[in-house]
């Protein structure tokens, strides 16, 4: 790893969660690869170079803004550690974005799309297939993040109360309920493994699955990223009448504003609910 990246990652590591660490590492590496293709040294970067890089990305404005923040932070650290390699001013400091007031999420998969994924998972047998099914049940049934999935131990699961002890962002623990399907899958999975302690989700070689492993398995074998299962969990609960405060506790959000964003109801859904439920639509004239 380049010394500049290494210093940057060491600087931010104590203050951020593991998933944020890996995201920022990927983002700054991608930026430096772009500079290499353009024949630009780190010290030669100006605002125009960064704006051209951001403009060429195929992503949402929110994600583009997050990448810009990482580049800005990288140059702040570079000025402290390697001032000779840094431009006189932070080249990302003056870049501004128009406010995004849409509050939209990634496209949340429908209930039928999620059902199809589970139908495929339940058609397959074998230890690894059952593990993958359990991963999906936990992500969708309890709204777990990929880091929370990777960090689960067998001892964290209580099948008497159908709950799991989860270590969330900022090392904050919470207890989440398990659906009946999840509990059944846990029993089947542990019976196959003959294990009572240690990591819950393991690889073919019996080692704990890391955050990247969880992500790759869910993306390639299920066709859906872990966080989309989490979005689907919250959104489908809301559509079925679950209270927003309950969803906040389930997902482990400190602020309820975050939960409102995750569980945003589309205008189409709103029209559908009003059309079905409003007394003025139900009245016969």
C-alpha atoms as a PDB file:
ATOM      1  CA  UNK A   1       0.000   0.000   0.000  1.00  0.00           C
ATOM      2  CA  UNK A   2       1.274   3.483  -0.861  1.00  0.00           C
ATOM      3  CA  UNK A   3       2.700   5.316   2.199  1.00  0.00           C
ATOM      4  CA  UNK A   4       0.307   8.248   1.688  1.00  0.00           C
ATOM      5  CA  UNK A   5      -2.729   5.945   1.755  1.00  0.00           C
ATOM      6  CA  UNK A   6      -1.289   4.006   4.698  1.00  0.00           C
ATOM      7  CA  UNK A   7      -0.821   7.184   6.746  1.00  0.00           C
ATOM      8  CA  UNK A   8      -4.323   8.351   5.874  1.00  0.00           C
ATOM      9  CA  UNK A   9      -5.921   5.054   6.858  1.00  0.00           C
ATOM     10  CA  UNK A  10      -3.956   4.913  10.128  1.00  0.00           C
ATOM     11  CA  UNK A  11      -5.086   8.429  10.931  1.00  0.00           C
ATOM     12  CA  UNK A  12      -8.817   7.764  10.484  1.00  0.00           C
ATOM     13  CA  UNK A  13      -8.989   4.139  11.693  1.00  0.00           C
ATOM     14  CA  UNK A  14      -9.570   4.766  15.453  1.00  0.00           C
ATOM     15  CA  UNK A  15     -12.588   6.994  14.814  1.00  0.00           C
ATOM     16  CA  UNK A  16     -14.658   5.027  12.320  1.00  0.00           C
ATOM     17  CA  UNK A  17     -16.483   1.712  11.956  1.00  0.00           C
ATOM     18  CA  UNK A  18     -14.955  -1.154   9.978  1.00  0.00           C
ATOM     19  CA  UNK A  19     -17.386  -0.752   7.078  1.00  0.00           C
ATOM     20  CA  UNK A  20     -16.593   2.971   6.810  1.00  0.00           C
ATOM     21  CA  UNK A  21     -12.876   2.174   6.899  1.00  0.00           C
ATOM     22  CA  UNK A  22     -13.121  -0.235   3.967  1.00  0.00           C
ATOM     23  CA  UNK A  23     -15.366   2.137   2.016  1.00  0.00           C
ATOM     24  CA  UNK A  24     -12.918   5.035   2.391  1.00  0.00           C
ATOM     25  CA  UNK A  25      -9.965   2.806   1.521  1.00  0.00           C
ATOM     26  CA  UNK A  26     -11.692   1.733  -1.685  1.00  0.00           C
ATOM     27  CA  UNK A  27     -12.651   5.314  -2.547  1.00  0.00           C
ATOM     28  CA  UNK A  28      -9.199   6.831  -2.094  1.00  0.00           C
ATOM     29  CA  UNK A  29      -7.570   3.962  -3.972  1.00  0.00           C
ATOM     30  CA  UNK A  30      -9.940   4.519  -6.877  1.00  0.00           C
ATOM     31  CA  UNK A  31      -9.086   8.214  -6.922  1.00  0.00           C
ATOM     32  CA  UNK A  32      -5.335   7.536  -6.963  1.00  0.00           C
ATOM     33  CA  UNK A  33      -5.780   4.971  -9.770  1.00  0.00           C
ATOM     34  CA  UNK A  34      -7.545   7.682 -11.750  1.00  0.00           C
ATOM     35  CA  UNK A  35      -4.610  10.038 -11.173  1.00  0.00           C
ATOM     36  CA  UNK A  36      -2.229   7.329 -12.401  1.00  0.00           C
ATOM     37  CA  UNK A  37      -4.181   6.902 -15.646  1.00  0.00           C
ATOM     38  CA  UNK A  38      -3.994  10.673 -16.185  1.00  0.00           C
ATOM     39  CA  UNK A  39      -0.271  10.796 -15.371  1.00  0.00           C
ATOM     40  CA  UNK A  40      -0.930  13.166 -12.477  1.00  0.00           C
ATOM     41  CA  UNK A  41       1.087  13.197  -9.246  1.00  0.00           C
ATOM     42  CA  UNK A  42      -0.693  13.794  -5.949  1.00  0.00           C
ATOM     43  CA  UNK A  43       1.021  17.176  -5.633  1.00  0.00           C
ATOM     44  CA  UNK A  44      -0.184  18.253  -9.104  1.00  0.00           C
ATOM     45  CA  UNK A  45      -3.884  17.840  -8.396  1.00  0.00           C
ATOM     46  CA  UNK A  46      -6.102  20.901  -8.526  1.00  0.00           C
ATOM     47  CA  UNK A  47      -9.814  21.474  -8.212  1.00  0.00           C
ATOM     48  CA  UNK A  48     -10.437  20.894 -11.924  1.00  0.00           C
ATOM     49  CA  UNK A  49      -8.856  17.434 -11.818  1.00  0.00           C
ATOM     50  CA  UNK A  50     -11.073  16.376  -8.911  1.00  0.00           C
ATOM     51  CA  UNK A  51     -14.212  17.803 -10.520  1.00  0.00           C
ATOM     52  CA  UNK A  52     -13.452  15.901 -13.742  1.00  0.00           C
ATOM     53  CA  UNK A  53     -12.972  12.712 -11.730  1.00  0.00           C
ATOM     54  CA  UNK A  54     -16.259  13.168  -9.884  1.00  0.00           C
ATOM     55  CA  UNK A  55     -18.129  14.042 -13.079  1.00  0.00           C
ATOM     56  CA  UNK A  56     -16.991  10.785 -14.685  1.00  0.00           C
ATOM     57  CA  UNK A  57     -18.400   8.609 -11.927  1.00  0.00           C
ATOM     58  CA  UNK A  58     -21.627   6.713 -12.511  1.00  0.00           C
ATOM     59  CA  UNK A  59     -23.281   7.165  -9.137  1.00  0.00           C
ATOM     60  CA  UNK A  60     -25.734   9.324  -7.230  1.00  0.00           C
ATOM     61  CA  UNK A  61     -24.915  12.872  -6.189  1.00  0.00           C
ATOM     62  CA  UNK A  62     -24.939  11.757  -2.563  1.00  0.00           C
ATOM     63  CA  UNK A  63     -22.264   9.129  -3.225  1.00  0.00           C
ATOM     64  CA  UNK A  64     -20.238  11.569  -5.362  1.00  0.00           C
ATOM     65  CA  UNK A  65     -20.337  14.055  -2.499  1.00  0.00           C
ATOM     66  CA  UNK A  66     -19.139  11.359  -0.075  1.00  0.00           C
ATOM     67  CA  UNK A  67     -16.175  10.568  -2.344  1.00  0.00           C
ATOM     68  CA  UNK A  68     -15.286  14.256  -2.536  1.00  0.00           C
ATOM     69  CA  UNK A  69     -15.308  14.406   1.272  1.00  0.00           C
ATOM     70  CA  UNK A  70     -12.870  11.475   1.409  1.00  0.00           C
ATOM     71  CA  UNK A  71     -10.520  13.165  -1.077  1.00  0.00           C
ATOM     72  CA  UNK A  72     -10.712  16.382   0.958  1.00  0.00           C
ATOM     73  CA  UNK A  73      -9.947  14.500   4.154  1.00  0.00           C
ATOM     74  CA  UNK A  74      -7.057  12.685   2.442  1.00  0.00           C
ATOM     75  CA  UNK A  75      -5.420  15.976   1.471  1.00  0.00           C
ATOM     76  CA  UNK A  76      -5.931  17.388   4.980  1.00  0.00           C
ATOM     77  CA  UNK A  77      -4.031  14.412   6.407  1.00  0.00           C
ATOM     78  CA  UNK A  78      -1.417  14.669   3.640  1.00  0.00           C
ATOM     79  CA  UNK A  79      -0.687  18.287   4.599  1.00  0.00           C
ATOM     80  CA  UNK A  80       0.041  17.133   8.147  1.00  0.00           C
ATOM     81  CA  UNK A  81       2.141  14.075   7.291  1.00  0.00           C
ATOM     82  CA  UNK A  82       3.730  14.839   3.923  1.00  0.00           C
ATOM     83  CA  UNK A  83       3.500  18.600   3.243  1.00  0.00           C
ATOM     84  CA  UNK A  84       6.035  18.338   0.431  1.00  0.00           C
ATOM     85  CA  UNK A  85       3.666  16.116  -1.581  1.00  0.00           C
ATOM     86  CA  UNK A  86       0.644  18.340  -1.082  1.00  0.00           C
ATOM     87  CA  UNK A  87      -0.572  21.367  -3.086  1.00  0.00           C
ATOM     88  CA  UNK A  88      -0.507  24.716  -1.309  1.00  0.00           C
ATOM     89  CA  UNK A  89      -4.270  24.509  -0.741  1.00  0.00           C
ATOM     90  CA  UNK A  90      -6.564  21.525  -0.413  1.00  0.00           C
ATOM     91  CA  UNK A  91      -7.811  21.039  -4.009  1.00  0.00           C
ATOM     92  CA  UNK A  92     -11.113  19.558  -2.860  1.00  0.00           C
ATOM     93  CA  UNK A  93     -11.893  22.248  -0.293  1.00  0.00           C
ATOM     94  CA  UNK A  94     -13.788  24.591  -2.593  1.00  0.00           C
ATOM     95  CA  UNK A  95     -15.948  22.020  -4.381  1.00  0.00           C
ATOM     96  CA  UNK A  96     -19.648  22.548  -3.674  1.00  0.00           C
ATOM     97  CA  UNK A  97     -22.724  20.499  -4.474  1.00  0.00           C
ATOM     98  CA  UNK A  98     -26.278  21.598  -4.975  1.00  0.00           C
ATOM     99  CA  UNK A  99     -28.430  20.396  -2.088  1.00  0.00           C
ATOM    100  CA  UNK A 100     -30.255  17.164  -2.809  1.00  0.00           C
ATOM    101  CA  UNK A 101     -33.712  17.499  -1.301  1.00  0.00           C
ATOM    102  CA  UNK A 102     -35.203  14.412  -2.866  1.00  0.00           C
ATOM    103  CA  UNK A 103     -34.548  12.170   0.136  1.00  0.00           C
ATOM    104  CA  UNK A 104     -34.652   9.192  -2.183  1.00  0.00           C
ATOM    105  CA  UNK A 105     -33.045   5.845  -1.465  1.00  0.00           C
ATOM    106  CA  UNK A 106     -31.635   3.297  -3.781  1.00  0.00           C
ATOM    107  CA  UNK A 107     -34.467   1.499  -5.505  1.00  0.00           C
ATOM    108  CA  UNK A 108     -35.856  -0.780  -2.808  1.00  0.00           C
ATOM    109  CA  UNK A 109     -36.656  -4.304  -4.036  1.00  0.00           C
ATOM    110  CA  UNK A 110     -40.306  -5.268  -3.994  1.00  0.00           C
ATOM    111  CA  UNK A 111     -41.759  -7.954  -1.768  1.00  0.00           C
ATOM    112  CA  UNK A 112     -42.127 -10.265  -4.772  1.00  0.00           C
ATOM    113  CA  UNK A 113     -38.460  -9.762  -5.737  1.00  0.00           C
ATOM    114  CA  UNK A 114     -37.339 -10.707  -2.229  1.00  0.00           C
ATOM    115  CA  UNK A 115     -39.677 -13.710  -2.219  1.00  0.00           C
ATOM    116  CA  UNK A 116     -38.106 -14.959  -5.450  1.00  0.00           C
ATOM    117  CA  UNK A 117     -34.632 -14.782  -3.917  1.00  0.00           C
ATOM    118  CA  UNK A 118     -35.745 -16.812  -0.914  1.00  0.00           C
ATOM    119  CA  UNK A 119     -37.521 -19.311  -3.159  1.00  0.00           C
ATOM    120  CA  UNK A 120     -34.214 -19.972  -4.942  1.00  0.00           C
ATOM    121  CA  UNK A 121     -32.318 -20.217  -1.673  1.00  0.00           C
ATOM    122  CA  UNK A 122     -34.763 -22.765  -0.244  1.00  0.00           C
ATOM    123  CA  UNK A 123     -34.508 -24.935  -3.345  1.00  0.00           C
ATOM    124  CA  UNK A 124     -30.837 -25.648  -2.627  1.00  0.00           C
ATOM    125  CA  UNK A 125     -29.346 -27.897   0.030  1.00  0.00           C
ATOM    126  CA  UNK A 126     -25.843 -28.201   1.443  1.00  0.00           C
ATOM    127  CA  UNK A 127     -24.026 -26.531   4.332  1.00  0.00           C
ATOM    128  CA  UNK A 128     -22.958 -23.440   2.406  1.00  0.00           C
ATOM    129  CA  UNK A 129     -26.384 -23.006   0.840  1.00  0.00           C
ATOM    130  CA  UNK A 130     -28.003 -23.113   4.268  1.00  0.00           C
ATOM    131  CA  UNK A 131     -25.423 -20.587   5.490  1.00  0.00           C
ATOM    132  CA  UNK A 132     -26.329 -18.266   2.613  1.00  0.00           C
ATOM    133  CA  UNK A 133     -30.017 -18.695   3.390  1.00  0.00           C
ATOM    134  CA  UNK A 134     -29.337 -17.799   7.038  1.00  0.00           C
ATOM    135  CA  UNK A 135     -27.398 -14.720   5.945  1.00  0.00           C
ATOM    136  CA  UNK A 136     -30.357 -13.521   3.880  1.00  0.00           C
ATOM    137  CA  UNK A 137     -32.866 -14.303   6.639  1.00  0.00           C
ATOM    138  CA  UNK A 138     -30.851 -12.244   9.146  1.00  0.00           C
ATOM    139  CA  UNK A 139     -30.322  -9.340   6.757  1.00  0.00           C
ATOM    140  CA  UNK A 140     -33.969  -9.172   5.706  1.00  0.00           C
ATOM    141  CA  UNK A 141     -35.686 -10.513   8.826  1.00  0.00           C
ATOM    142  CA  UNK A 142     -33.724  -8.457  11.371  1.00  0.00           C
ATOM    143  CA  UNK A 143     -32.321  -5.664   9.188  1.00  0.00           C
ATOM    144  CA  UNK A 144     -28.662  -6.394   9.947  1.00  0.00           C
ATOM    145  CA  UNK A 145     -25.741  -4.611   8.322  1.00  0.00           C
ATOM    146  CA  UNK A 146     -23.005  -6.696   6.687  1.00  0.00           C
ATOM    147  CA  UNK A 147     -20.537  -5.889   9.494  1.00  0.00           C
ATOM    148  CA  UNK A 148     -23.141  -7.010  12.023  1.00  0.00           C
ATOM    149  CA  UNK A 149     -23.626 -10.265  10.111  1.00  0.00           C
ATOM    150  CA  UNK A 150     -19.886 -10.893   9.966  1.00  0.00           C
ATOM    151  CA  UNK A 151     -19.465 -10.185  13.686  1.00  0.00           C
ATOM    152  CA  UNK A 152     -22.169 -12.537  14.954  1.00  0.00           C
ATOM    153  CA  UNK A 153     -21.124 -15.434  17.170  1.00  0.00           C
ATOM    154  CA  UNK A 154     -23.173 -18.537  17.887  1.00  0.00           C
ATOM    155  CA  UNK A 155     -23.366 -17.440  21.521  1.00  0.00           C
ATOM    156  CA  UNK A 156     -25.122 -14.231  20.415  1.00  0.00           C
ATOM    157  CA  UNK A 157     -28.150 -16.245  19.277  1.00  0.00           C
ATOM    158  CA  UNK A 158     -30.818 -17.092  21.857  1.00  0.00           C
ATOM    159  CA  UNK A 159     -33.236 -19.615  20.379  1.00  0.00           C
ATOM    160  CA  UNK A 160     -35.345 -19.691  23.540  1.00  0.00           C
ATOM    161  CA  UNK A 161     -36.379 -16.079  23.052  1.00  0.00           C
ATOM    162  CA  UNK A 162     -35.667 -15.946  19.294  1.00  0.00           C
ATOM    163  CA  UNK A 163     -33.348 -12.944  19.641  1.00  0.00           C
ATOM    164  CA  UNK A 164     -29.783 -12.044  18.719  1.00  0.00           C
ATOM    165  CA  UNK A 165     -27.283  -9.755  20.439  1.00  0.00           C
ATOM    166  CA  UNK A 166     -25.790  -7.510  17.749  1.00  0.00           C
ATOM    167  CA  UNK A 167     -22.816  -5.153  17.896  1.00  0.00           C
ATOM    168  CA  UNK A 168     -23.746  -2.187  15.744  1.00  0.00           C
ATOM    169  CA  UNK A 169     -22.017   0.974  14.575  1.00  0.00           C
ATOM    170  CA  UNK A 170     -19.774   2.576  17.170  1.00  0.00           C
ATOM    171  CA  UNK A 171     -19.637  -0.761  19.033  1.00  0.00           C
ATOM    172  CA  UNK A 172     -23.149  -0.154  20.352  1.00  0.00           C
ATOM    173  CA  UNK A 173     -24.957  -3.394  21.254  1.00  0.00           C
ATOM    174  CA  UNK A 174     -28.635  -4.021  20.635  1.00  0.00           C
ATOM    175  CA  UNK A 175     -30.978  -6.987  20.765  1.00  0.00           C
ATOM    176  CA  UNK A 176     -32.959  -7.798  17.634  1.00  0.00           C
ATOM    177  CA  UNK A 177     -35.797 -10.305  17.209  1.00  0.00           C
ATOM    178  CA  UNK A 178     -35.434 -13.294  14.909  1.00  0.00           C
ATOM    179  CA  UNK A 179     -38.247 -14.317  12.619  1.00  0.00           C
ATOM    180  CA  UNK A 180     -39.502 -17.887  12.896  1.00  0.00           C
ATOM    181  CA  UNK A 181     -37.897 -18.696   9.530  1.00  0.00           C
ATOM    182  CA  UNK A 182     -34.561 -17.330  10.762  1.00  0.00           C
ATOM    183  CA  UNK A 183     -34.737 -19.395  13.956  1.00  0.00           C
ATOM    184  CA  UNK A 184     -35.505 -22.553  11.972  1.00  0.00           C
ATOM    185  CA  UNK A 185     -32.577 -21.890   9.651  1.00  0.00           C
ATOM    186  CA  UNK A 186     -30.228 -21.286  12.605  1.00  0.00           C
ATOM    187  CA  UNK A 187     -31.164 -24.665  14.070  1.00  0.00           C
ATOM    188  CA  UNK A 188     -30.662 -26.440  10.754  1.00  0.00           C
ATOM    189  CA  UNK A 189     -27.358 -24.679  10.098  1.00  0.00           C
ATOM    190  CA  UNK A 190     -25.886 -25.369  13.546  1.00  0.00           C
ATOM    191  CA  UNK A 191     -27.041 -28.987  13.418  1.00  0.00           C
ATOM    192  CA  UNK A 192     -25.110 -29.402  10.166  1.00  0.00           C
ATOM    193  CA  UNK A 193     -22.008 -27.741  11.620  1.00  0.00           C
ATOM    194  CA  UNK A 194     -22.123 -29.504  15.014  1.00  0.00           C
ATOM    195  CA  UNK A 195     -20.975 -26.251  16.597  1.00  0.00           C
ATOM    196  CA  UNK A 196     -22.050 -24.496  19.795  1.00  0.00           C
ATOM    197  CA  UNK A 197     -19.487 -21.687  20.028  1.00  0.00           C
ATOM    198  CA  UNK A 198     -17.475 -19.393  17.795  1.00  0.00           C
ATOM    199  CA  UNK A 199     -18.332 -17.416  14.650  1.00  0.00           C
ATOM    200  CA  UNK A 200     -21.813 -17.953  13.261  1.00  0.00           C
ATOM    201  CA  UNK A 201     -21.107 -17.425   9.557  1.00  0.00           C
ATOM    202  CA  UNK A 202     -18.033 -19.292   8.344  1.00  0.00           C
ATOM    203  CA  UNK A 203     -16.340 -20.068   5.042  1.00  0.00           C
ATOM    204  CA  UNK A 204     -15.836 -23.480   3.449  1.00  0.00           C
ATOM    205  CA  UNK A 205     -12.661 -23.796   5.554  1.00  0.00           C
ATOM    206  CA  UNK A 206     -14.456 -22.967   8.798  1.00  0.00           C
ATOM    207  CA  UNK A 207     -13.064 -19.465   9.212  1.00  0.00           C
ATOM    208  CA  UNK A 208     -15.207 -16.468  10.100  1.00  0.00           C
ATOM    209  CA  UNK A 209     -16.592 -14.661   7.058  1.00  0.00           C
ATOM    210  CA  UNK A 210     -15.336 -11.090   6.907  1.00  0.00           C
ATOM    211  CA  UNK A 211     -17.288  -8.030   5.841  1.00  0.00           C
ATOM    212  CA  UNK A 212     -16.068  -8.367   2.255  1.00  0.00           C
ATOM    213  CA  UNK A 213     -16.940 -12.061   2.161  1.00  0.00           C
ATOM    214  CA  UNK A 214     -20.496 -11.378   3.319  1.00  0.00           C
ATOM    215  CA  UNK A 215     -20.868  -8.652   0.694  1.00  0.00           C
ATOM    216  CA  UNK A 216     -19.524 -10.753  -2.181  1.00  0.00           C
ATOM    217  CA  UNK A 217     -21.640 -13.817  -1.317  1.00  0.00           C
ATOM    218  CA  UNK A 218     -24.845 -11.815  -1.105  1.00  0.00           C
ATOM    219  CA  UNK A 219     -24.139  -9.781  -4.220  1.00  0.00           C
ATOM    220  CA  UNK A 220     -23.079 -12.680  -6.441  1.00  0.00           C
ATOM    221  CA  UNK A 221     -25.147 -15.591  -5.119  1.00  0.00           C
ATOM    222  CA  UNK A 222     -28.314 -13.696  -4.267  1.00  0.00           C
ATOM    223  CA  UNK A 223     -28.076 -10.808  -6.713  1.00  0.00           C
ATOM    224  CA  UNK A 224     -28.626  -8.210  -3.999  1.00  0.00           C
ATOM    225  CA  UNK A 225     -26.280  -6.230  -1.782  1.00  0.00           C
ATOM    226  CA  UNK A 226     -26.682  -6.672   2.004  1.00  0.00           C
ATOM    227  CA  UNK A 227     -27.869  -3.113   2.553  1.00  0.00           C
ATOM    228  CA  UNK A 228     -30.707  -3.553   0.067  1.00  0.00           C
ATOM    229  CA  UNK A 229     -32.022  -6.415   2.211  1.00  0.00           C
ATOM    230  CA  UNK A 230     -31.872  -3.968   5.129  1.00  0.00           C
ATOM    231  CA  UNK A 231     -33.698  -1.276   3.132  1.00  0.00           C
ATOM    232  CA  UNK A 232     -36.303  -3.841   2.088  1.00  0.00           C
ATOM    233  CA  UNK A 233     -36.784  -4.975   5.687  1.00  0.00           C
ATOM    234  CA  UNK A 234     -37.529  -1.442   6.886  1.00  0.00           C
ATOM    235  CA  UNK A 235     -39.654  -0.435   3.911  1.00  0.00           C
ATOM    236  CA  UNK A 236     -41.792  -3.589   3.903  1.00  0.00           C
ATOM    237  CA  UNK A 237     -42.336  -3.351   7.658  1.00  0.00           C
ATOM    238  CA  UNK A 238     -43.508   0.234   7.252  1.00  0.00           C
ATOM    239  CA  UNK A 239     -45.865  -0.696   4.427  1.00  0.00           C
ATOM    240  CA  UNK A 240     -47.356  -3.430   6.604  1.00  0.00           C
ATOM    241  CA  UNK A 241     -48.152  -0.991   9.405  1.00  0.00           C
ATOM    242  CA  UNK A 242     -45.088  -1.217  11.661  1.00  0.00           C
ATOM    243  CA  UNK A 243     -44.403   1.949  13.669  1.00  0.00           C
ATOM    244  CA  UNK A 244     -41.426   4.125  12.785  1.00  0.00           C
ATOM    245  CA  UNK A 245     -40.004   3.986  16.332  1.00  0.00           C
ATOM    246  CA  UNK A 246     -40.021   0.182  16.258  1.00  0.00           C
ATOM    247  CA  UNK A 247     -38.120   0.232  12.964  1.00  0.00           C
ATOM    248  CA  UNK A 248     -35.643   2.723  14.418  1.00  0.00           C
ATOM    249  CA  UNK A 249     -34.880   0.360  17.305  1.00  0.00           C
ATOM    250  CA  UNK A 250     -34.612  -2.646  14.991  1.00  0.00           C
ATOM    251  CA  UNK A 251     -32.135  -0.938  12.658  1.00  0.00           C
ATOM    252  CA  UNK A 252     -30.133   0.628  15.476  1.00  0.00           C
ATOM    253  CA  UNK A 253     -30.461   4.242  14.318  1.00  0.00           C
ATOM    254  CA  UNK A 254     -29.542   6.945  16.828  1.00  0.00           C
ATOM    255  CA  UNK A 255     -31.646   9.555  15.039  1.00  0.00           C
ATOM    256  CA  UNK A 256     -35.149   8.939  13.824  1.00  0.00           C
ATOM    257  CA  UNK A 257     -34.435  11.206  10.826  1.00  0.00           C
ATOM    258  CA  UNK A 258     -32.224   8.431   9.459  1.00  0.00           C
ATOM    259  CA  UNK A 259     -35.061   5.950   9.771  1.00  0.00           C
ATOM    260  CA  UNK A 260     -37.434   8.265   7.932  1.00  0.00           C
ATOM    261  CA  UNK A 261     -34.983   8.371   5.026  1.00  0.00           C
ATOM    262  CA  UNK A 262     -34.514   4.591   4.965  1.00  0.00           C
ATOM    263  CA  UNK A 263     -38.222   3.955   5.016  1.00  0.00           C
ATOM    264  CA  UNK A 264     -39.356   6.705   2.694  1.00  0.00           C
ATOM    265  CA  UNK A 265     -42.758   6.000   1.199  1.00  0.00           C
ATOM    266  CA  UNK A 266     -42.896   6.734  -2.523  1.00  0.00           C
ATOM    267  CA  UNK A 267     -45.560   8.980  -3.976  1.00  0.00           C
ATOM    268  CA  UNK A 268     -46.998   5.994  -5.799  1.00  0.00           C
ATOM    269  CA  UNK A 269     -47.404   4.099  -2.529  1.00  0.00           C
ATOM    270  CA  UNK A 270     -48.938   7.145  -0.895  1.00  0.00           C
ATOM    271  CA  UNK A 271     -51.498   7.516  -3.677  1.00  0.00           C
ATOM    272  CA  UNK A 272     -52.292   3.823  -3.459  1.00  0.00           C
ATOM    273  CA  UNK A 273     -52.862   3.948   0.307  1.00  0.00           C
ATOM    274  CA  UNK A 274     -55.005   7.076   0.105  1.00  0.00           C
ATOM    275  CA  UNK A 275     -57.001   5.604  -2.763  1.00  0.00           C
ATOM    276  CA  UNK A 276     -57.650   2.435  -0.795  1.00  0.00           C
ATOM    277  CA  UNK A 277     -58.164   3.889   2.681  1.00  0.00           C
ATOM    278  CA  UNK A 278     -59.481   7.447   2.532  1.00  0.00           C
ATOM    279  CA  UNK A 279     -63.187   7.685   3.437  1.00  0.00           C
ATOM    280  CA  UNK A 280     -63.867  10.033   0.536  1.00  0.00           C
ATOM    281  CA  UNK A 281     -62.756   7.294  -1.855  1.00  0.00           C
ATOM    282  CA  UNK A 282     -64.768   4.643  -0.014  1.00  0.00           C
ATOM    283  CA  UNK A 283     -68.016   6.607   0.043  1.00  0.00           C
ATOM    284  CA  UNK A 284     -70.593   5.713  -2.548  1.00  0.00           C
ATOM    285  CA  UNK A 285     -72.489   8.660  -3.936  1.00  0.00           C
END
